[in-house]
Amino acid sequence: MINVKHIYKQMEKNILFVAIGVAGIIIIGALILSQSGFNLQNIKLGGFSDKAIAEKAVDYINNNKLSQDTASLDDTSISGQSGLIKFKIKVGTNSFDSYATRDGKLFFPQAFELIK
């Protein structure tokens, strides 16, 4: 005769061991990623980093001759602000705050602060 209670107890043990194993793998993976400098902000929809999108904006300025001087990117100025990517573009001796959408589709050479 099959002991149904014994089978359920064995299944509960197996499920518990699997859950502990999965939790352990997740914790170990998180620790490894945190030690390697991994940052969730570097993962972007479409696979583009903030820096790549800022460089795309600079290329747009230079390739479309929007300035007589060559534009360059200040790599240290890239950050997120209000759901956009904020970065500084240097044209000649002047630096300008510029913005782009996180998907890299829209570039804003200027923004006006509506609420302070």
N, C-alpha and C. Protein backbone atom coordinates (compact mmCIF):
# COMPACT_ATOMS: atom_id res chain seq x y z
N MET A 1 0.83 -1.18 0.00
CA MET A 1 0.00 0.00 0.00
C MET A 1 0.89 1.26 0.00
N ILE A 2 0.49 2.23 -0.77
CA ILE A 2 1.25 3.48 -0.89
C ILE A 2 0.89 4.39 0.27
N ASN A 3 1.92 4.90 0.91
CA ASN A 3 1.72 5.82 2.04
C ASN A 3 1.73 7.25 1.49
N VAL A 4 0.57 7.83 1.29
CA VAL A 4 0.42 9.16 0.69
C VAL A 4 1.04 10.24 1.57
N LYS A 5 0.91 10.13 2.87
CA LYS A 5 1.49 11.12 3.78
C LYS A 5 3.00 11.16 3.65
N HIS A 6 3.61 10.00 3.50
CA HIS A 6 5.06 9.93 3.34
C HIS A 6 5.50 10.62 2.04
N ILE A 7 4.74 10.40 0.98
CA ILE A 7 5.07 11.02 -0.32
C ILE A 7 4.97 12.55 -0.22
N TYR A 8 3.90 13.07 0.43
CA TYR A 8 3.76 14.53 0.58
C TYR A 8 4.89 15.12 1.43
N LYS A 9 5.26 14.43 2.49
CA LYS A 9 6.36 14.93 3.33
C LYS A 9 7.65 14.97 2.54
N GLN A 10 7.91 13.95 1.73
CA GLN A 10 9.12 13.92 0.91
C GLN A 10 9.10 15.05 -0.13
N MET A 11 7.92 15.31 -0.71
CA MET A 11 7.80 16.41 -1.68
C MET A 11 8.04 17.75 -1.01
N GLU A 12 7.51 17.94 0.20
CA GLU A 12 7.73 19.19 0.92
C GLU A 12 9.20 19.39 1.21
N LYS A 13 9.93 18.33 1.57
CA LYS A 13 11.37 18.43 1.81
C LYS A 13 12.10 18.83 0.53
N ASN A 14 11.73 18.21 -0.58
CA ASN A 14 12.37 18.51 -1.86
C ASN A 14 12.14 19.96 -2.26
N ILE A 15 10.90 20.42 -2.09
CA ILE A 15 10.59 21.81 -2.43
C ILE A 15 11.37 22.76 -1.54
N LEU A 16 11.50 22.44 -0.26
CA LEU A 16 12.26 23.28 0.66
C LEU A 16 13.72 23.34 0.24
N PHE A 17 14.32 22.20 -0.11
CA PHE A 17 15.73 22.18 -0.53
C PHE A 17 15.93 22.98 -1.83
N VAL A 18 15.01 22.86 -2.75
CA VAL A 18 15.11 23.62 -4.01
C VAL A 18 14.99 25.11 -3.73
N ALA A 19 14.05 25.51 -2.87
CA ALA A 19 13.89 26.93 -2.55
C ALA A 19 15.13 27.49 -1.87
N ILE A 20 15.71 26.73 -0.95
CA ILE A 20 16.94 27.18 -0.28
C ILE A 20 18.08 27.29 -1.29
N GLY A 21 18.17 26.33 -2.21
CA GLY A 21 19.21 26.37 -3.24
C GLY A 21 19.08 27.58 -4.15
N VAL A 22 17.87 27.86 -4.59
CA VAL A 22 17.63 29.02 -5.47
C VAL A 22 17.94 30.32 -4.74
N ALA A 23 17.51 30.44 -3.48
CA ALA A 23 17.80 31.64 -2.70
C ALA A 23 19.31 31.81 -2.53
N GLY A 24 20.01 30.71 -2.28
CA GLY A 24 21.47 30.78 -2.13
C GLY A 24 22.15 31.24 -3.40
N ILE A 25 21.71 30.72 -4.53
CA ILE A 25 22.29 31.13 -5.82
C ILE A 25 22.04 32.61 -6.07
N ILE A 26 20.85 33.10 -5.78
CA ILE A 26 20.53 34.51 -5.97
C ILE A 26 21.41 35.38 -5.06
N ILE A 27 21.56 34.99 -3.82
CA ILE A 27 22.37 35.78 -2.88
C ILE A 27 23.83 35.79 -3.31
N ILE A 28 24.37 34.64 -3.68
CA ILE A 28 25.77 34.57 -4.13
C ILE A 28 25.96 35.39 -5.40
N GLY A 29 25.02 35.30 -6.34
CA GLY A 29 25.11 36.10 -7.57
C GLY A 29 25.08 37.59 -7.28
N ALA A 30 24.21 38.00 -6.37
CA ALA A 30 24.12 39.42 -6.02
C ALA A 30 25.42 39.90 -5.38
N LEU A 31 26.00 39.08 -4.53
CA LEU A 31 27.28 39.46 -3.90
C LEU A 31 28.40 39.58 -4.92
N ILE A 32 28.46 38.66 -5.85
CA ILE A 32 29.49 38.71 -6.89
C ILE A 32 29.31 39.95 -7.75
N LEU A 33 28.08 40.23 -8.16
CA LEU A 33 27.84 41.40 -9.01
C LEU A 33 28.12 42.71 -8.26
N SER A 34 27.79 42.76 -6.97
CA SER A 34 28.04 43.99 -6.22
C SER A 34 29.54 44.23 -6.04
N GLN A 35 30.33 43.18 -5.91
CA GLN A 35 31.78 43.32 -5.76
C GLN A 35 32.46 43.68 -7.08
N SER A 36 31.82 43.34 -8.20
CA SER A 36 32.43 43.61 -9.50
C SER A 36 32.10 45.01 -10.01
N GLY A 37 31.38 45.79 -9.21
CA GLY A 37 31.04 47.15 -9.63
C GLY A 37 29.83 47.21 -10.53
N PHE A 38 29.09 46.13 -10.63
CA PHE A 38 27.89 46.09 -11.45
C PHE A 38 26.86 47.06 -10.90
N ASN A 39 26.22 47.80 -11.78
CA ASN A 39 25.23 48.79 -11.37
C ASN A 39 24.01 48.64 -12.26
N LEU A 40 22.83 48.49 -11.66
CA LEU A 40 21.62 48.32 -12.45
C LEU A 40 21.35 49.51 -13.37
N GLN A 41 21.89 50.67 -13.04
CA GLN A 41 21.67 51.84 -13.88
C GLN A 41 22.41 51.72 -15.21
N ASN A 42 23.38 50.80 -15.29
CA ASN A 42 24.10 50.61 -16.55
C ASN A 42 23.32 49.75 -17.53
N ILE A 43 22.27 49.09 -17.07
CA ILE A 43 21.43 48.30 -17.96
C ILE A 43 20.34 49.21 -18.50
N LYS A 44 20.28 49.36 -19.79
CA LYS A 44 19.32 50.26 -20.41
C LYS A 44 18.47 49.51 -21.41
N LEU A 45 17.25 49.99 -21.62
CA LEU A 45 16.40 49.42 -22.65
C LEU A 45 17.07 49.66 -23.99
N GLY A 46 17.11 48.67 -24.82
CA GLY A 46 17.76 48.81 -26.12
C GLY A 46 19.24 48.55 -26.04
N GLY A 47 19.80 48.36 -24.85
CA GLY A 47 21.20 47.99 -24.70
C GLY A 47 22.18 49.14 -24.75
N PHE A 48 21.75 50.39 -24.68
CA PHE A 48 22.67 51.52 -24.73
C PHE A 48 22.94 52.05 -23.34
N SER A 49 24.19 52.32 -23.04
CA SER A 49 24.54 52.94 -21.77
C SER A 49 24.31 54.44 -21.86
N ASP A 50 24.31 55.11 -20.71
CA ASP A 50 24.15 56.57 -20.69
C ASP A 50 25.26 57.23 -21.50
N LYS A 51 26.47 56.73 -21.35
CA LYS A 51 27.61 57.31 -22.07
C LYS A 51 27.43 57.16 -23.58
N ALA A 52 26.98 55.99 -24.03
CA ALA A 52 26.79 55.76 -25.46
C ALA A 52 25.74 56.71 -26.02
N ILE A 53 24.68 56.97 -25.26
CA ILE A 53 23.64 57.89 -25.72
C ILE A 53 24.17 59.32 -25.77
N ALA A 54 24.96 59.72 -24.77
CA ALA A 54 25.55 61.06 -24.77
C ALA A 54 26.50 61.21 -25.95
N GLU A 55 27.29 60.18 -26.24
CA GLU A 55 28.19 60.22 -27.39
C GLU A 55 27.42 60.31 -28.70
N LYS A 56 26.26 59.65 -28.75
CA LYS A 56 25.40 59.72 -29.93
C LYS A 56 24.93 61.17 -30.16
N ALA A 57 24.62 61.89 -29.08
CA ALA A 57 24.20 63.29 -29.20
C ALA A 57 25.34 64.16 -29.73
N VAL A 58 26.54 63.93 -29.22
CA VAL A 58 27.71 64.69 -29.69
C VAL A 58 27.96 64.39 -31.17
N ASP A 59 27.86 63.13 -31.55
CA ASP A 59 28.03 62.77 -32.97
C ASP A 59 26.99 63.45 -33.84
N TYR A 60 25.77 63.56 -33.33
CA TYR A 60 24.70 64.23 -34.08
C TYR A 60 25.07 65.69 -34.33
N ILE A 61 25.58 66.35 -33.30
CA ILE A 61 25.98 67.77 -33.46
C ILE A 61 27.08 67.89 -34.50
N ASN A 62 28.09 67.04 -34.39
CA ASN A 62 29.24 67.13 -35.29
C ASN A 62 28.90 66.71 -36.72
N ASN A 63 28.12 65.66 -36.88
CA ASN A 63 27.79 65.15 -38.22
C ASN A 63 26.82 66.03 -38.98
N ASN A 64 26.01 66.80 -38.26
CA ASN A 64 25.03 67.68 -38.91
C ASN A 64 25.47 69.13 -38.93
N LYS A 65 26.72 69.36 -38.61
CA LYS A 65 27.33 70.71 -38.68
C LYS A 65 26.48 71.74 -37.93
N LEU A 66 26.05 71.39 -36.71
CA LEU A 66 25.25 72.31 -35.91
C LEU A 66 26.10 73.35 -35.22
N SER A 67 27.41 73.20 -35.31
CA SER A 67 28.33 74.17 -34.72
C SER A 67 29.54 74.29 -35.63
N GLN A 68 30.13 75.49 -35.64
CA GLN A 68 31.35 75.67 -36.42
C GLN A 68 32.52 74.97 -35.75
N ASP A 69 32.50 74.91 -34.43
CA ASP A 69 33.53 74.20 -33.67
C ASP A 69 33.09 72.76 -33.46
N THR A 70 34.07 71.89 -33.21
CA THR A 70 33.76 70.49 -32.93
C THR A 70 33.26 70.35 -31.50
N ALA A 71 32.19 69.61 -31.33
CA ALA A 71 31.63 69.35 -30.01
C ALA A 71 32.31 68.13 -29.40
N SER A 72 32.45 68.15 -28.08
CA SER A 72 33.02 67.00 -27.37
C SER A 72 32.22 66.76 -26.09
N LEU A 73 32.34 65.57 -25.56
CA LEU A 73 31.60 65.17 -24.37
C LEU A 73 32.49 65.22 -23.15
N ASP A 74 31.98 65.79 -22.05
CA ASP A 74 32.65 65.74 -20.76
C ASP A 74 32.20 64.43 -20.10
N ASP A 75 33.06 63.40 -20.15
CA ASP A 75 32.71 62.06 -19.64
C ASP A 75 32.32 62.06 -18.17
N THR A 76 32.83 63.00 -17.39
CA THR A 76 32.57 63.00 -15.95
C THR A 76 31.22 63.62 -15.61
N SER A 77 30.54 64.18 -16.58
CA SER A 77 29.31 64.92 -16.29
C SER A 77 28.04 64.12 -16.54
N ILE A 78 28.13 62.86 -16.90
CA ILE A 78 26.96 62.08 -17.28
C ILE A 78 26.23 61.61 -16.02
N SER A 79 24.93 61.93 -15.95
CA SER A 79 24.13 61.52 -14.80
C SER A 79 22.67 61.44 -15.22
N GLY A 80 21.85 60.93 -14.32
CA GLY A 80 20.42 60.87 -14.57
C GLY A 80 19.72 62.02 -13.86
N GLN A 81 18.73 62.59 -14.52
CA GLN A 81 17.97 63.66 -13.89
C GLN A 81 16.57 63.67 -14.48
N SER A 82 15.57 63.58 -13.62
CA SER A 82 14.16 63.65 -14.02
C SER A 82 13.81 62.67 -15.13
N GLY A 83 14.36 61.46 -15.06
CA GLY A 83 14.06 60.45 -16.05
C GLY A 83 14.81 60.61 -17.36
N LEU A 84 15.72 61.58 -17.43
CA LEU A 84 16.52 61.80 -18.63
C LEU A 84 18.00 61.59 -18.31
N ILE A 85 18.82 61.55 -19.34
CA ILE A 85 20.26 61.51 -19.16
C ILE A 85 20.76 62.93 -19.31
N LYS A 86 21.48 63.42 -18.31
CA LYS A 86 22.03 64.76 -18.34
C LYS A 86 23.55 64.65 -18.56
N PHE A 87 24.09 65.50 -19.45
CA PHE A 87 25.52 65.48 -19.73
C PHE A 87 25.95 66.85 -20.22
N LYS A 88 27.24 67.11 -20.14
CA LYS A 88 27.80 68.38 -20.61
C LYS A 88 28.47 68.16 -21.96
N ILE A 89 28.16 69.08 -22.87
CA ILE A 89 28.80 69.10 -24.17
C ILE A 89 29.64 70.35 -24.25
N LYS A 90 30.88 70.18 -24.66
CA LYS A 90 31.79 71.31 -24.80
C LYS A 90 31.91 71.65 -26.29
N VAL A 91 31.65 72.92 -26.59
CA VAL A 91 31.79 73.43 -27.95
C VAL A 91 32.70 74.64 -27.86
N GLY A 92 33.87 74.52 -28.44
CA GLY A 92 34.86 75.59 -28.30
C GLY A 92 35.27 75.70 -26.85
N THR A 93 35.13 76.88 -26.25
CA THR A 93 35.47 77.07 -24.83
C THR A 93 34.24 77.04 -23.94
N ASN A 94 33.06 76.85 -24.51
CA ASN A 94 31.81 76.86 -23.74
C ASN A 94 31.32 75.43 -23.47
N SER A 95 30.73 75.24 -22.28
CA SER A 95 30.11 73.97 -21.92
C SER A 95 28.62 74.18 -21.75
N PHE A 96 27.85 73.20 -22.21
CA PHE A 96 26.39 73.30 -22.15
C PHE A 96 25.82 72.03 -21.53
N ASP A 97 24.86 72.20 -20.60
CA ASP A 97 24.11 71.05 -20.11
C ASP A 97 23.15 70.63 -21.21
N SER A 98 23.12 69.33 -21.48
CA SER A 98 22.24 68.78 -22.50
C SER A 98 21.56 67.55 -21.93
N TYR A 99 20.49 67.12 -22.60
CA TYR A 99 19.68 66.02 -22.10
C TYR A 99 19.29 65.11 -23.26
N ALA A 100 19.09 63.83 -22.95
CA ALA A 100 18.58 62.88 -23.93
C ALA A 100 17.67 61.89 -23.20
N THR A 101 16.75 61.31 -23.96
CA THR A 101 15.89 60.30 -23.38
C THR A 101 16.70 59.02 -23.18
N ARG A 102 16.26 58.19 -22.26
CA ARG A 102 17.00 56.96 -21.91
C ARG A 102 17.04 55.96 -23.06
N ASP A 103 16.11 56.06 -24.01
CA ASP A 103 16.15 55.15 -25.15
C ASP A 103 17.02 55.70 -26.29
N GLY A 104 17.53 56.93 -26.12
CA GLY A 104 18.43 57.51 -27.11
C GLY A 104 17.74 58.08 -28.33
N LYS A 105 16.42 58.19 -28.30
CA LYS A 105 15.70 58.67 -29.49
C LYS A 105 15.62 60.19 -29.56
N LEU A 106 15.56 60.87 -28.41
CA LEU A 106 15.39 62.33 -28.40
C LEU A 106 16.55 62.99 -27.70
N PHE A 107 17.00 64.11 -28.24
CA PHE A 107 18.11 64.89 -27.71
C PHE A 107 17.63 66.31 -27.48
N PHE A 108 17.87 66.82 -26.26
CA PHE A 108 17.46 68.17 -25.91
C PHE A 108 18.71 69.00 -25.62
N PRO A 109 19.06 69.91 -26.51
CA PRO A 109 20.24 70.74 -26.25
C PRO A 109 20.05 71.70 -25.08
N GLN A 110 18.80 71.90 -24.67
CA GLN A 110 18.53 72.83 -23.59
C GLN A 110 17.23 72.43 -22.91
N ALA A 111 17.14 72.70 -21.59
CA ALA A 111 15.91 72.44 -20.86
C ALA A 111 15.65 73.61 -19.92
N PHE A 112 14.41 73.89 -19.70
CA PHE A 112 14.02 74.96 -18.79
C PHE A 112 13.44 74.35 -17.53
N GLU A 113 13.91 74.78 -16.37
CA GLU A 113 13.41 74.28 -15.11
C GLU A 113 12.10 74.99 -14.78
N LEU A 114 11.02 74.24 -14.71
CA LEU A 114 9.70 74.82 -14.47
C LEU A 114 9.40 74.95 -12.99
N ILE A 115 9.86 74.00 -12.19
CA ILE A 115 9.60 74.02 -10.75
C ILE A 115 10.93 73.99 -10.02
N LYS A 116 11.12 74.91 -9.11
CA LYS A 116 12.38 74.94 -8.35
C LYS A 116 12.17 74.44 -6.96
